[in-house]
């Protein structure tokens, strides 16, 4: 398969419309994510609400110069696994789902991945579109959603690093300093 080099984009460039779509789609997407972990004993799903508006607006201007088409994580979830084998099986289950189209895949576990931009954090991130009668009836069949796949040991560091108790909080500080 050819390697995708372009970042996925939403079909709509209006953040308010994207939030409307996200509110319609989120519950259905969370059900799909749970379905993709069927039979995977080490999979732990973290369902997420629609991204907060303040964070979306911050990201819109800080990272995308006001182009709302690039905000692809309003609808999101994550799955953590104890093993790479289960992670690979989950990706197979997603690809076997006829309603799911993986439009982008970023593998931050690869040795070639430059982890400086994420302060050393590693995971895999999928951009997924759900296309079926439900999403078509809701008018959200082109809305790009995010799914992050992680390994439990890495996630434990993310959520419990050092005396501050939060490696993720350190990443937020890193991200904010980088934006200055």
C-alpha atoms as a PDB file:
ATOM      1  CA  UNK A   1       0.000   0.000   0.000  1.00  0.00           C
ATOM      2  CA  UNK A   2       1.062   3.538  -0.664  1.00  0.00           C
ATOM      3  CA  UNK A   3       2.008   5.555   2.389  1.00  0.00           C
ATOM      4  CA  UNK A   4      -0.374   8.441   3.020  1.00  0.00           C
ATOM      5  CA  UNK A   5       1.550  11.672   3.396  1.00  0.00           C
ATOM      6  CA  UNK A   6      -1.226  14.261   3.594  1.00  0.00           C
ATOM      7  CA  UNK A   7      -3.056  14.918   6.814  1.00  0.00           C
ATOM      8  CA  UNK A   8      -6.773  14.187   6.668  1.00  0.00           C
ATOM      9  CA  UNK A   9      -9.209  17.086   6.595  1.00  0.00           C
ATOM     10  CA  UNK A  10     -12.838  17.592   7.414  1.00  0.00           C
ATOM     11  CA  UNK A  11     -15.153  18.270   4.460  1.00  0.00           C
ATOM     12  CA  UNK A  12     -16.486  21.359   6.273  1.00  0.00           C
ATOM     13  CA  UNK A  13     -14.411  24.407   7.211  1.00  0.00           C
ATOM     14  CA  UNK A  14     -16.778  25.931   9.788  1.00  0.00           C
ATOM     15  CA  UNK A  15     -15.958  25.049  13.414  1.00  0.00           C
ATOM     16  CA  UNK A  16     -19.550  25.612  14.580  1.00  0.00           C
ATOM     17  CA  UNK A  17     -20.862  23.172  11.963  1.00  0.00           C
ATOM     18  CA  UNK A  18     -18.147  20.661  12.919  1.00  0.00           C
ATOM     19  CA  UNK A  19     -19.238  20.883  16.564  1.00  0.00           C
ATOM     20  CA  UNK A  20     -22.837  20.254  15.504  1.00  0.00           C
ATOM     21  CA  UNK A  21     -21.703  17.176  13.583  1.00  0.00           C
ATOM     22  CA  UNK A  22     -19.578  16.018  16.505  1.00  0.00           C
ATOM     23  CA  UNK A  23     -22.516  16.221  18.910  1.00  0.00           C
ATOM     24  CA  UNK A  24     -24.635  14.106  16.548  1.00  0.00           C
ATOM     25  CA  UNK A  25     -21.884  11.532  15.953  1.00  0.00           C
ATOM     26  CA  UNK A  26     -20.096  11.078  19.275  1.00  0.00           C
ATOM     27  CA  UNK A  27     -22.326   8.483  20.963  1.00  0.00           C
ATOM     28  CA  UNK A  28     -22.448   6.336  17.810  1.00  0.00           C
ATOM     29  CA  UNK A  29     -18.673   6.538  17.381  1.00  0.00           C
ATOM     30  CA  UNK A  30     -18.101   5.490  20.996  1.00  0.00           C
ATOM     31  CA  UNK A  31     -20.247   2.387  20.361  1.00  0.00           C
ATOM     32  CA  UNK A  32     -18.176   1.568  17.267  1.00  0.00           C
ATOM     33  CA  UNK A  33     -14.950   1.889  19.275  1.00  0.00           C
ATOM     34  CA  UNK A  34     -16.307  -0.504  21.915  1.00  0.00           C
ATOM     35  CA  UNK A  35     -17.290  -2.944  19.148  1.00  0.00           C
ATOM     36  CA  UNK A  36     -13.743  -2.903  17.725  1.00  0.00           C
ATOM     37  CA  UNK A  37     -12.394  -4.285  21.012  1.00  0.00           C
ATOM     38  CA  UNK A  38     -14.701  -7.321  21.068  1.00  0.00           C
ATOM     39  CA  UNK A  39     -12.725 -10.373  22.152  1.00  0.00           C
ATOM     40  CA  UNK A  40      -9.599  -8.420  23.075  1.00  0.00           C
ATOM     41  CA  UNK A  41      -9.057  -9.198  26.745  1.00  0.00           C
ATOM     42  CA  UNK A  42      -6.362  -6.562  27.358  1.00  0.00           C
ATOM     43  CA  UNK A  43      -8.173  -3.690  25.622  1.00  0.00           C
ATOM     44  CA  UNK A  44      -9.246  -0.805  27.861  1.00  0.00           C
ATOM     45  CA  UNK A  45     -11.424   1.760  26.122  1.00  0.00           C
ATOM     46  CA  UNK A  46     -11.420   5.386  27.254  1.00  0.00           C
ATOM     47  CA  UNK A  47     -14.536   6.960  25.818  1.00  0.00           C
ATOM     48  CA  UNK A  48     -14.362  10.713  25.438  1.00  0.00           C
ATOM     49  CA  UNK A  49     -16.865  13.534  25.266  1.00  0.00           C
ATOM     50  CA  UNK A  50     -16.717  15.950  22.357  1.00  0.00           C
ATOM     51  CA  UNK A  51     -13.546  18.050  22.661  1.00  0.00           C
ATOM     52  CA  UNK A  52     -14.006  21.202  24.734  1.00  0.00           C
ATOM     53  CA  UNK A  53     -14.702  24.290  22.627  1.00  0.00           C
ATOM     54  CA  UNK A  54     -11.957  26.339  24.290  1.00  0.00           C
ATOM     55  CA  UNK A  55      -9.318  23.706  23.499  1.00  0.00           C
ATOM     56  CA  UNK A  56     -10.607  23.321  19.923  1.00  0.00           C
ATOM     57  CA  UNK A  57     -10.404  27.082  19.335  1.00  0.00           C
ATOM     58  CA  UNK A  58      -6.915  27.201  20.866  1.00  0.00           C
ATOM     59  CA  UNK A  59      -5.786  24.369  18.583  1.00  0.00           C
ATOM     60  CA  UNK A  60      -7.535  25.940  15.578  1.00  0.00           C
ATOM     61  CA  UNK A  61      -5.411  29.082  15.798  1.00  0.00           C
ATOM     62  CA  UNK A  62      -2.232  27.694  17.360  1.00  0.00           C
ATOM     63  CA  UNK A  63      -1.816  24.739  15.024  1.00  0.00           C
ATOM     64  CA  UNK A  64      -4.025  25.293  11.973  1.00  0.00           C
ATOM     65  CA  UNK A  65      -3.995  29.064  11.342  1.00  0.00           C
ATOM     66  CA  UNK A  66      -7.762  29.231  11.542  1.00  0.00           C
ATOM     67  CA  UNK A  67      -8.449  26.427   9.057  1.00  0.00           C
ATOM     68  CA  UNK A  68     -11.149  24.368  10.789  1.00  0.00           C
ATOM     69  CA  UNK A  69     -10.867  21.538   8.253  1.00  0.00           C
ATOM     70  CA  UNK A  70      -7.778  20.354  10.148  1.00  0.00           C
ATOM     71  CA  UNK A  71      -9.596  19.924  13.469  1.00  0.00           C
ATOM     72  CA  UNK A  72     -10.106  16.166  13.278  1.00  0.00           C
ATOM     73  CA  UNK A  73     -10.291  15.253  16.953  1.00  0.00           C
ATOM     74  CA  UNK A  74     -13.590  16.712  18.108  1.00  0.00           C
ATOM     75  CA  UNK A  75     -14.887  13.137  18.221  1.00  0.00           C
ATOM     76  CA  UNK A  76     -12.256  10.921  19.792  1.00  0.00           C
ATOM     77  CA  UNK A  77     -11.532   7.909  21.935  1.00  0.00           C
ATOM     78  CA  UNK A  78      -8.550   5.856  22.989  1.00  0.00           C
ATOM     79  CA  UNK A  79      -7.832   2.211  23.568  1.00  0.00           C
ATOM     80  CA  UNK A  80      -4.962   0.954  25.694  1.00  0.00           C
ATOM     81  CA  UNK A  81      -3.547  -2.551  25.292  1.00  0.00           C
ATOM     82  CA  UNK A  82      -1.170  -4.712  27.309  1.00  0.00           C
ATOM     83  CA  UNK A  83       0.387  -6.067  24.141  1.00  0.00           C
ATOM     84  CA  UNK A  84       1.165  -5.023  20.598  1.00  0.00           C
ATOM     85  CA  UNK A  85      -0.490  -8.256  19.426  1.00  0.00           C
ATOM     86  CA  UNK A  86      -3.857  -7.085  20.753  1.00  0.00           C
ATOM     87  CA  UNK A  87      -3.306  -3.642  19.228  1.00  0.00           C
ATOM     88  CA  UNK A  88      -2.647  -5.215  15.820  1.00  0.00           C
ATOM     89  CA  UNK A  89      -5.746  -7.413  16.188  1.00  0.00           C
ATOM     90  CA  UNK A  90      -7.815  -4.327  16.995  1.00  0.00           C
ATOM     91  CA  UNK A  91      -6.583  -2.577  13.837  1.00  0.00           C
ATOM     92  CA  UNK A  92      -7.557  -5.701  11.879  1.00  0.00           C
ATOM     93  CA  UNK A  93     -11.040  -5.563  13.421  1.00  0.00           C
ATOM     94  CA  UNK A  94     -11.392  -1.889  12.505  1.00  0.00           C
ATOM     95  CA  UNK A  95     -10.324  -2.586   8.934  1.00  0.00           C
ATOM     96  CA  UNK A  96     -12.817  -5.479   8.744  1.00  0.00           C
ATOM     97  CA  UNK A  97     -15.709  -3.212   9.791  1.00  0.00           C
ATOM     98  CA  UNK A  98     -17.467  -2.251   6.529  1.00  0.00           C
ATOM     99  CA  UNK A  99     -18.615   1.113   7.899  1.00  0.00           C
ATOM    100  CA  UNK A 100     -15.122   2.207   9.017  1.00  0.00           C
ATOM    101  CA  UNK A 101     -12.674   3.895   6.688  1.00  0.00           C
ATOM    102  CA  UNK A 102      -9.212   4.582   8.101  1.00  0.00           C
ATOM    103  CA  UNK A 103      -8.203   7.724   6.228  1.00  0.00           C
ATOM    104  CA  UNK A 104      -4.891   8.247   8.031  1.00  0.00           C
ATOM    105  CA  UNK A 105      -2.618   6.246  10.304  1.00  0.00           C
ATOM    106  CA  UNK A 106       0.248   7.707  12.317  1.00  0.00           C
ATOM    107  CA  UNK A 107       2.533   5.181  14.007  1.00  0.00           C
ATOM    108  CA  UNK A 108       4.538   6.941  16.701  1.00  0.00           C
ATOM    109  CA  UNK A 109       6.032   3.589  17.772  1.00  0.00           C
ATOM    110  CA  UNK A 110       8.256   3.418  14.686  1.00  0.00           C
ATOM    111  CA  UNK A 111      11.977   3.934  15.279  1.00  0.00           C
ATOM    112  CA  UNK A 112      11.946   6.453  12.425  1.00  0.00           C
ATOM    113  CA  UNK A 113       9.338   8.623  14.194  1.00  0.00           C
ATOM    114  CA  UNK A 114      10.870  11.835  15.541  1.00  0.00           C
ATOM    115  CA  UNK A 115       9.457  11.896  19.071  1.00  0.00           C
ATOM    116  CA  UNK A 116      10.779  15.398  19.818  1.00  0.00           C
ATOM    117  CA  UNK A 117       7.462  16.935  18.708  1.00  0.00           C
ATOM    118  CA  UNK A 118       5.596  14.867  21.338  1.00  0.00           C
ATOM    119  CA  UNK A 119       8.191  15.113  24.136  1.00  0.00           C
ATOM    120  CA  UNK A 120       8.968  11.432  23.669  1.00  0.00           C
ATOM    121  CA  UNK A 121       5.389  10.171  23.864  1.00  0.00           C
ATOM    122  CA  UNK A 122       4.547   7.139  21.705  1.00  0.00           C
ATOM    123  CA  UNK A 123       1.227   5.800  20.403  1.00  0.00           C
ATOM    124  CA  UNK A 124      -0.629   5.091  17.186  1.00  0.00           C
ATOM    125  CA  UNK A 125      -3.302   7.441  15.945  1.00  0.00           C
ATOM    126  CA  UNK A 126      -5.999   6.602  13.410  1.00  0.00           C
ATOM    127  CA  UNK A 127      -8.249   9.049  11.629  1.00  0.00           C
ATOM    128  CA  UNK A 128     -11.509   7.232  10.986  1.00  0.00           C
ATOM    129  CA  UNK A 129     -14.698   8.016   9.077  1.00  0.00           C
ATOM    130  CA  UNK A 130     -17.843   5.968   9.707  1.00  0.00           C
ATOM    131  CA  UNK A 131     -20.059   5.582   6.649  1.00  0.00           C
ATOM    132  CA  UNK A 132     -23.357   3.739   6.920  1.00  0.00           C
ATOM    133  CA  UNK A 133     -27.092   4.381   7.009  1.00  0.00           C
ATOM    134  CA  UNK A 134     -26.899   5.882  10.523  1.00  0.00           C
ATOM    135  CA  UNK A 135     -24.167   8.417   9.768  1.00  0.00           C
ATOM    136  CA  UNK A 136     -25.733   9.236   6.384  1.00  0.00           C
ATOM    137  CA  UNK A 137     -29.105   9.911   8.019  1.00  0.00           C
ATOM    138  CA  UNK A 138     -27.388  12.221  10.512  1.00  0.00           C
ATOM    139  CA  UNK A 139     -25.389  13.999   7.779  1.00  0.00           C
ATOM    140  CA  UNK A 140     -22.070  13.119   9.450  1.00  0.00           C
ATOM    141  CA  UNK A 141     -20.756  10.423   7.091  1.00  0.00           C
ATOM    142  CA  UNK A 142     -17.711  12.524   6.175  1.00  0.00           C
ATOM    143  CA  UNK A 143     -16.782  13.637   9.705  1.00  0.00           C
ATOM    144  CA  UNK A 144     -13.232  12.550  10.607  1.00  0.00           C
ATOM    145  CA  UNK A 145     -12.798  11.095  14.106  1.00  0.00           C
ATOM    146  CA  UNK A 146      -9.644  10.261  16.055  1.00  0.00           C
ATOM    147  CA  UNK A 147      -8.730   6.974  17.688  1.00  0.00           C
ATOM    148  CA  UNK A 148      -5.538   6.726  19.719  1.00  0.00           C
ATOM    149  CA  UNK A 149      -4.068   3.298  20.420  1.00  0.00           C
ATOM    150  CA  UNK A 150      -1.610   2.963  23.266  1.00  0.00           C
ATOM    151  CA  UNK A 151       0.379   0.432  25.228  1.00  0.00           C
ATOM    152  CA  UNK A 152      -0.353   0.206  28.960  1.00  0.00           C
ATOM    153  CA  UNK A 153       3.263   0.686  30.082  1.00  0.00           C
ATOM    154  CA  UNK A 154       3.653   3.859  28.005  1.00  0.00           C
ATOM    155  CA  UNK A 155       0.282   5.188  29.146  1.00  0.00           C
ATOM    156  CA  UNK A 156       1.259   4.574  32.785  1.00  0.00           C
ATOM    157  CA  UNK A 157       4.239   6.892  32.290  1.00  0.00           C
ATOM    158  CA  UNK A 158       2.002   9.472  30.582  1.00  0.00           C
ATOM    159  CA  UNK A 159      -0.399   9.527  33.525  1.00  0.00           C
ATOM    160  CA  UNK A 160       2.008   9.184  36.421  1.00  0.00           C
ATOM    161  CA  UNK A 161       5.435  10.652  35.718  1.00  0.00           C
ATOM    162  CA  UNK A 162       7.484  12.176  38.506  1.00  0.00           C
ATOM    163  CA  UNK A 163       6.464  14.077  41.610  1.00  0.00           C
ATOM    164  CA  UNK A 164       3.815  16.084  39.740  1.00  0.00           C
ATOM    165  CA  UNK A 165       1.937  12.833  39.127  1.00  0.00           C
ATOM    166  CA  UNK A 166       1.148  13.644  35.519  1.00  0.00           C
ATOM    167  CA  UNK A 167       3.325  13.086  32.516  1.00  0.00           C
ATOM    168  CA  UNK A 168       0.446  14.404  30.413  1.00  0.00           C
ATOM    169  CA  UNK A 169       0.444  17.678  32.357  1.00  0.00           C
ATOM    170  CA  UNK A 170       4.146  17.991  31.571  1.00  0.00           C
ATOM    171  CA  UNK A 171       3.329  17.443  27.890  1.00  0.00           C
ATOM    172  CA  UNK A 172       0.722  20.223  28.033  1.00  0.00           C
ATOM    173  CA  UNK A 173       3.361  22.559  29.501  1.00  0.00           C
ATOM    174  CA  UNK A 174       5.793  21.464  26.761  1.00  0.00           C
ATOM    175  CA  UNK A 175       3.145  22.035  24.055  1.00  0.00           C
ATOM    176  CA  UNK A 176       2.268  25.497  25.409  1.00  0.00           C
ATOM    177  CA  UNK A 177       5.921  26.564  25.645  1.00  0.00           C
ATOM    178  CA  UNK A 178       6.552  25.334  22.097  1.00  0.00           C
ATOM    179  CA  UNK A 179       3.715  27.541  20.838  1.00  0.00           C
ATOM    180  CA  UNK A 180       5.276  30.740  22.195  1.00  0.00           C
END
